Amino acid sequence: MSETSPETLRPLTRDEEALVRALGQVMHVLPRTIDADMVGDRQLPLTEYTALMNLSEAPARRMRMNELALACHLSLSGMTRTIIRLETQGLVKRERCEEDARGWNAVLTDAGFTRLEESWPSHLAAVRRRFLQHFESFDLAQLARAFRQAGTAQTTD
């Protein structure tokens, strides 16, 4: 439950309101436009790209399914559907967790890593065109810190 204090009840300024609304639009539109660009380039859809990217950065290129879902901002069932699609293409495989026989790991295959590398230029171009070009005059490190703080505040409040 959130606290209500005079500060939290203070109405948003015009600029604050514009920022909150614009952020909502970006959160809705940006993933869809990047995905459309990548699919249009005959590359991986963004959800699959993100899963492979996270696996490529993990130790031994493997992650527990629930950890991968969290990293990709998907539900466990959504991540499972994504991994099944990737598995049918030979880009990942699922293996039982050695530490916990009930859990599953997603493991990036060599073919999956190659497919990720092939899709990377399309992803990079879409991210630059659809997002980064709008922030050329901004301090990106400061902006990234603010986004991280806003993102982590949600899980700690």
Foldseek 3Di string as FASTA:
>chain_A
DDDDDPVVPDDDDPVRVVVVVVVVVCVPVLLVQLQVQLVVVVADGPLLLLLQVVLVPDVQSKDWLCVSCVSSVHDSVVSVVSLVVCVVVVQWDKDQDPVDNVTIMIHGDPVNVVSSVVSVVSSVVSCVVVPVVVQPPDPVVVVVVVVVVVVVVVVPD
